[in-house]
PDB file of N, CA and C in Angstrom:
ATOM      1  N   SER A   1       0.764  -0.983   0.396  1.00  0.00           N
ATOM      2  CA  SER A   1      -0.054   0.351   0.109  1.00  0.00           C
ATOM      3  C   SER A   1       1.364   1.589  -0.180  1.00  0.00           C
ATOM      4  N   LEU A   2       2.044   1.213   0.382  1.00  0.00           N
ATOM      5  CA  LEU A   2       2.732   2.229   0.481  1.00  0.00           C
ATOM      6  C   LEU A   2       3.328   2.776  -0.465  1.00  0.00           C
ATOM      7  N   LYS A   3       3.518   1.692  -1.558  1.00  0.00           N
ATOM      8  CA  LYS A   3       4.152   2.174  -3.202  1.00  0.00           C
ATOM      9  C   LYS A   3       3.549   2.585  -4.093  1.00  0.00           C
ATOM     10  N   ILE A   4       1.700   2.615  -3.762  1.00  0.00           N
ATOM     11  CA  ILE A   4       0.603   3.053  -4.588  1.00  0.00           C
ATOM     12  C   ILE A   4       0.466   3.545  -4.180  1.00  0.00           C
ATOM     13  N   ARG A   5       0.744   4.269  -2.612  1.00  0.00           N
ATOM     14  CA  ARG A   5       0.253   5.859  -2.410  1.00  0.00           C
ATOM     15  C   ARG A   5       1.652   6.987  -2.680  1.00  0.00           C
ATOM     16  N   LYS A   6       2.671   6.633  -2.908  1.00  0.00           N
ATOM     17  CA  LYS A   6       3.388   6.505  -3.536  1.00  0.00           C
ATOM     18  C   LYS A   6       3.770   7.933  -4.869  1.00  0.00           C
ATOM     19  N   ARG A   7       2.976   6.667  -5.609  1.00  0.00           N
ATOM     20  CA  ARG A   7       2.144   6.356  -7.369  1.00  0.00           C
ATOM     21  C   ARG A   7       1.246   7.559  -6.783  1.00  0.00           C
ATOM     22  N   ILE A   8       1.035   7.032  -6.028  1.00  0.00           N
ATOM     23  CA  ILE A   8      -0.796   8.773  -6.142  1.00  0.00           C
ATOM     24  C   ILE A   8       0.071  10.200  -5.570  1.00  0.00           C
ATOM     25  N   GLU A   9       0.457  10.270  -4.582  1.00  0.00           N
ATOM     26  CA  GLU A   9       1.474  11.530  -4.095  1.00  0.00           C
ATOM     27  C   GLU A   9       2.547  11.973  -4.982  1.00  0.00           C
ATOM     28  N   GLU A  10       3.381  11.458  -5.955  1.00  0.00           N
ATOM     29  CA  GLU A  10       3.525  11.653  -6.891  1.00  0.00           C
ATOM     30  C   GLU A  10       2.433  12.417  -8.001  1.00  0.00           C
ATOM     31  N   GLY A  11       1.314  12.315  -8.335  1.00  0.00           N
ATOM     32  CA  GLY A  11       0.852  12.353  -9.309  1.00  0.00           C
ATOM     33  C   GLY A  11       0.763  14.417  -9.184  1.00  0.00           C
ATOM     34  N   PHE A  12       0.038  13.953  -7.684  1.00  0.00           N
ATOM     35  CA  PHE A  12      -0.824  15.104  -6.729  1.00  0.00           C
ATOM     36  C   PHE A  12       1.368  16.381  -7.140  1.00  0.00           C
ATOM     37  N   GLY A  13       2.383  15.688  -6.521  1.00  0.00           N
ATOM     38  CA  GLY A  13       2.922  16.840  -6.045  1.00  0.00           C
ATOM     39  C   GLY A  13       4.179  17.694  -7.725  1.00  0.00           C
ATOM     40  N   TRP A  14       3.227  15.929  -8.992  1.00  0.00           N
ATOM     41  CA  TRP A  14       3.284  16.783 -10.665  1.00  0.00           C
ATOM     42  C   TRP A  14       3.094  18.106 -11.440  1.00  0.00           C
ATOM     43  N   LEU A  15       1.658  17.778 -10.387  1.00  0.00           N
ATOM     44  CA  LEU A  15       0.237  18.517 -10.652  1.00  0.00           C
ATOM     45  C   LEU A  15       0.361  20.101  -9.752  1.00  0.00           C
ATOM     46  N   LYS A  16       1.760  19.926  -8.648  1.00  0.00           N
ATOM     47  CA  LYS A  16       1.467  21.166  -7.913  1.00  0.00           C
ATOM     48  C   LYS A  16       3.186  22.448  -8.563  1.00  0.00           C
ATOM     49  N   THR A  17       3.565  20.565  -8.965  1.00  0.00           N
ATOM     50  CA  THR A  17       4.897  22.185  -9.444  1.00  0.00           C
ATOM     51  C   THR A  17       4.656  22.111 -11.003  1.00  0.00           C
ATOM     52  N   VAL A  18       4.527  20.766 -12.190  1.00  0.00           N
ATOM     53  CA  VAL A  18       4.096  21.785 -13.464  1.00  0.00           C
ATOM     54  C   VAL A  18       3.463  21.716 -13.905  1.00  0.00           C
ATOM     55  N   GLY A  19       2.240  21.245 -13.481  1.00  0.00           N
ATOM     56  CA  GLY A  19       0.671  21.463 -13.591  1.00  0.00           C
ATOM     57  C   GLY A  19      -0.052  22.803 -13.194  1.00  0.00           C
ATOM     58  N   GLY A  20       0.860  23.544 -12.540  1.00  0.00           N
ATOM     59  CA  GLY A  20       0.527  25.077 -12.135  1.00  0.00           C
ATOM     60  C   GLY A  20      -0.563  24.842 -11.424  1.00  0.00           C
ATOM     61  N   LEU A  21      -1.290  23.838  -9.808  1.00  0.00           N
ATOM     62  CA  LEU A  21      -1.798  23.831  -9.417  1.00  0.00           C
ATOM     63  C   LEU A  21      -1.234  24.305  -7.854  1.00  0.00           C
ATOM     64  N   ARG A  22      -0.369  24.732  -7.674  1.00  0.00           N
ATOM     65  CA  ARG A  22      -0.279  24.865  -6.021  1.00  0.00           C
ATOM     66  C   ARG A  22      -0.677  26.449  -5.441  1.00  0.00           C
ATOM     67  N   LYS A  23      -0.793  27.402  -7.071  1.00  0.00           N
ATOM     68  CA  LYS A  23      -1.045  29.197  -6.598  1.00  0.00           C
ATOM     69  C   LYS A  23      -2.361  28.443  -8.239  1.00  0.00           C
ATOM     70  N   THR A  24      -3.718  28.642  -8.072  1.00  0.00           N
ATOM     71  CA  THR A  24      -4.961  28.450  -8.668  1.00  0.00           C
ATOM     72  C   THR A  24      -5.371  29.812  -9.113  1.00  0.00           C
ATOM     73  N   LYS A  25      -6.017  30.305 -10.737  1.00  0.00           N
ATOM     74  CA  LYS A  25      -6.171  31.125 -10.502  1.00  0.00           C
ATOM     75  C   LYS A  25      -7.605  31.128 -11.238  1.00  0.00           C
ATOM     76  N   LEU A  26      -7.865  30.321 -10.435  1.00  0.00           N
ATOM     77  CA  LEU A  26     -10.224  29.756 -11.348  1.00  0.00           C
ATOM     78  C   LEU A  26     -10.035  30.212  -8.872  1.00  0.00           C
ATOM     79  N   ILE A  27     -11.612  30.405 -10.431  1.00  0.00           N
ATOM     80  CA  ILE A  27     -12.814  30.826  -9.066  1.00  0.00           C
ATOM     81  C   ILE A  27     -13.323  30.182  -9.728  1.00  0.00           C
ATOM     82  N   GLY A  28     -14.606  29.740  -8.433  1.00  0.00           N
ATOM     83  CA  GLY A  28     -15.200  28.911  -8.356  1.00  0.00           C
ATOM     84  C   GLY A  28     -14.885  26.518  -8.277  1.00  0.00           C
ATOM     85  N   ARG A  29     -16.109  26.514  -8.113  1.00  0.00           N
ATOM     86  CA  ARG A  29     -15.322  24.351  -7.872  1.00  0.00           C
ATOM     87  C   ARG A  29     -15.221  23.489  -9.259  1.00  0.00           C
ATOM     88  N   ALA A  30     -15.844  24.525 -10.986  1.00  0.00           N
ATOM     89  CA  ALA A  30     -16.004  23.090 -12.349  1.00  0.00           C
ATOM     90  C   ALA A  30     -15.153  24.041 -12.821  1.00  0.00           C
ATOM     91  N   LYS A  31     -14.192  24.918 -12.615  1.00  0.00           N
ATOM     92  CA  LYS A  31     -13.509  25.095 -12.724  1.00  0.00           C
ATOM     93  C   LYS A  31     -12.473  24.266 -12.624  1.00  0.00           C
ATOM     94  N   LEU A  32     -11.740  24.333 -11.404  1.00  0.00           N
ATOM     95  CA  LEU A  32     -11.160  23.943 -10.490  1.00  0.00           C
ATOM     96  C   LEU A  32     -10.501  22.265 -10.759  1.00  0.00           C
ATOM     97  N   SER A  33     -12.399  22.053 -11.529  1.00  0.00           N
ATOM     98  CA  SER A  33     -12.526  20.384 -11.280  1.00  0.00           C
ATOM     99  C   SER A  33     -11.504  19.753 -12.427  1.00  0.00           C
ATOM    100  N   ALA A  34     -11.521  20.797 -14.404  1.00  0.00           N
ATOM    101  CA  ALA A  34     -11.461  20.813 -14.985  1.00  0.00           C
ATOM    102  C   ALA A  34      -9.991  21.170 -15.585  1.00  0.00           C
ATOM    103  N   GLN A  35      -9.469  22.350 -14.345  1.00  0.00           N
ATOM    104  CA  GLN A  35      -8.475  22.028 -14.108  1.00  0.00           C
ATOM    105  C   GLN A  35      -7.570  21.032 -13.757  1.00  0.00           C
ATOM    106  N   LEU A  36      -8.025  20.548 -12.956  1.00  0.00           N
ATOM    107  CA  LEU A  36      -7.535  19.498 -12.461  1.00  0.00           C
ATOM    108  C   LEU A  36      -7.809  18.746 -13.096  1.00  0.00           C
ATOM    109  N   LEU A  37      -8.789  16.863 -13.615  1.00  0.00           N
ATOM    110  CA  LEU A  37      -9.072  17.111 -14.561  1.00  0.00           C
ATOM    111  C   LEU A  37      -7.585  17.107 -16.394  1.00  0.00           C
ATOM    112  N   LEU A  38      -7.543  18.059 -16.341  1.00  0.00           N
ATOM    113  CA  LEU A  38      -6.876  18.044 -17.676  1.00  0.00           C
ATOM    114  C   LEU A  38      -5.226  17.964 -17.212  1.00  0.00           C
ATOM    115  N   GLY A  39      -4.687  17.937 -15.958  1.00  0.00           N
ATOM    116  CA  GLY A  39      -3.692  18.182 -15.044  1.00  0.00           C
ATOM    117  C   GLY A  39      -3.714  16.642 -15.463  1.00  0.00           C
ATOM    118  N   PHE A  40      -5.117  15.864 -14.771  1.00  0.00           N
ATOM    119  CA  PHE A  40      -4.157  13.995 -14.285  1.00  0.00           C
ATOM    120  C   PHE A  40      -4.213  14.035 -15.528  1.00  0.00           C
ATOM    121  N   SER A  41      -4.675  14.437 -16.645  1.00  0.00           N
ATOM    122  CA  SER A  41      -4.850  13.650 -18.539  1.00  0.00           C
ATOM    123  C   SER A  41      -3.559  13.830 -18.828  1.00  0.00           C
ATOM    124  N   VAL A  42      -3.366  15.144 -18.777  1.00  0.00           N
ATOM    125  CA  VAL A  42      -1.353  15.858 -18.936  1.00  0.00           C
ATOM    126  C   VAL A  42      -0.316  14.652 -18.588  1.00  0.00           C
ATOM    127  N   TYR A  43      -1.212  14.019 -17.550  1.00  0.00           N
ATOM    128  CA  TYR A  43       0.604  13.650 -16.637  1.00  0.00           C
ATOM    129  C   TYR A  43       0.024  11.703 -16.911  1.00  0.00           C
ATOM    130  N   ASN A  44      -0.846  11.367 -16.873  1.00  0.00           N
ATOM    131  CA  ASN A  44      -1.157  10.294 -17.732  1.00  0.00           C
ATOM    132  C   ASN A  44      -1.150  10.418 -18.496  1.00  0.00           C
ATOM    133  N   LEU A  45      -0.828  10.590 -19.873  1.00  0.00           N
ATOM    134  CA  LEU A  45      -0.002  10.463 -20.429  1.00  0.00           C
ATOM    135  C   LEU A  45       1.222  10.601 -21.323  1.00  0.00           C
ATOM    136  N   ILE A  46       1.925  11.629 -20.275  1.00  0.00           N
ATOM    137  CA  ILE A  46       3.193  11.229 -20.127  1.00  0.00           C
ATOM    138  C   ILE A  46       3.989   9.855 -19.113  1.00  0.00           C
ATOM    139  N   ARG A  47       3.008   9.626 -18.344  1.00  0.00           N
ATOM    140  CA  ARG A  47       3.636   8.867 -17.535  1.00  0.00           C
ATOM    141  C   ARG A  47       3.299   7.160 -18.480  1.00  0.00           C
ATOM    142  N   LEU A  48       2.714   7.530 -19.818  1.00  0.00           N
ATOM    143  CA  LEU A  48       2.138   5.888 -20.416  1.00  0.00           C
ATOM    144  C   LEU A  48       3.302   6.116 -21.376  1.00  0.00           C
ATOM    145  N   GLY A  49       3.546   7.407 -22.387  1.00  0.00           N
ATOM    146  CA  GLY A  49       4.332   7.576 -23.141  1.00  0.00           C
ATOM    147  C   GLY A  49       6.550   7.201 -22.507  1.00  0.00           C
ATOM    148  N   SER A  50       5.893   7.581 -20.871  1.00  0.00           N
ATOM    149  CA  SER A  50       7.909   6.539 -20.755  1.00  0.00           C
ATOM    150  C   SER A  50       7.626   5.616 -20.478  1.00  0.00           C
ATOM    151  N   LEU A  51       6.489   4.930 -19.806  1.00  0.00           N
ATOM    152  CA  LEU A  51       7.017   3.108 -20.126  1.00  0.00           C
ATOM    153  C   LEU A  51       6.428   3.017 -21.615  1.00  0.00           C
ATOM    154  N   SER A  52       5.952   3.168 -22.428  1.00  0.00           N
ATOM    155  CA  SER A  52       5.828   1.999 -23.723  1.00  0.00           C
ATOM    156  C   SER A  52       7.169   2.920 -24.462  1.00  0.00           C
ATOM    157  N   GLY A  53       8.398   4.209 -23.417  1.00  0.00           N
ATOM    158  CA  GLY A  53       9.520   4.578 -24.088  1.00  0.00           C
ATOM    159  C   GLY A  53       9.387   4.962 -25.341  1.00  0.00           C
ATOM    160  N   TRP A  54       8.553   6.391 -25.727  1.00  0.00           N
ATOM    161  CA  TRP A  54       8.286   7.084 -26.995  1.00  0.00           C
ATOM    162  C   TRP A  54       8.742   8.501 -25.824  1.00  0.00           C
ATOM    163  N   TRP A  55       8.836   7.898 -24.748  1.00  0.00           N
ATOM    164  CA  TRP A  55       8.715   9.557 -23.997  1.00  0.00           C
ATOM    165  C   TRP A  55      10.152   9.796 -23.272  1.00  0.00           C
ATOM    166  N   ARG A  56      11.246  10.316 -22.913  1.00  0.00           N
ATOM    167  CA  ARG A  56      12.481   9.556 -21.958  1.00  0.00           C
ATOM    168  C   ARG A  56      11.696   9.871 -20.720  1.00  0.00           C
ATOM    169  N   GLY A  57      12.122   9.466 -19.527  1.00  0.00           N
ATOM    170  CA  GLY A  57      10.984   9.618 -18.414  1.00  0.00           C
ATOM    171  C   GLY A  57      12.019  10.588 -17.609  1.00  0.00           C
ATOM    172  N   SER A  58      13.088  10.983 -18.077  1.00  0.00           N
ATOM    173  CA  SER A  58      14.010  12.180 -17.660  1.00  0.00           C
ATOM    174  C   SER A  58      12.968  13.538 -17.899  1.00  0.00           C
ATOM    175  N   HIS A  59      11.972  14.110 -18.731  1.00  0.00           N
ATOM    176  CA  HIS A  59      11.660  15.261 -18.465  1.00  0.00           C
ATOM    177  C   HIS A  59      10.422  15.778 -16.826  1.00  0.00           C
ATOM    178  N   VAL A  60       9.594  14.105 -17.005  1.00  0.00           N
ATOM    179  CA  VAL A  60       8.075  13.986 -16.298  1.00  0.00           C
ATOM    180  C   VAL A  60       9.149  14.482 -14.133  1.00  0.00           C
TER     181      VAL A  60
END
């Protein structure tokens, strides 16, 4: 369970540093939810690319 928790925390850490969620400029739950969904979608694409080999993991 600690390995799974680490993987989840890495996603949130990436969203805060790279995804721009540390200090959001959006107001409203719907807009923030959309930004979170977009950020996690990008994170998943980058992660899938790193696993399949078409994206180097050093960029993440």
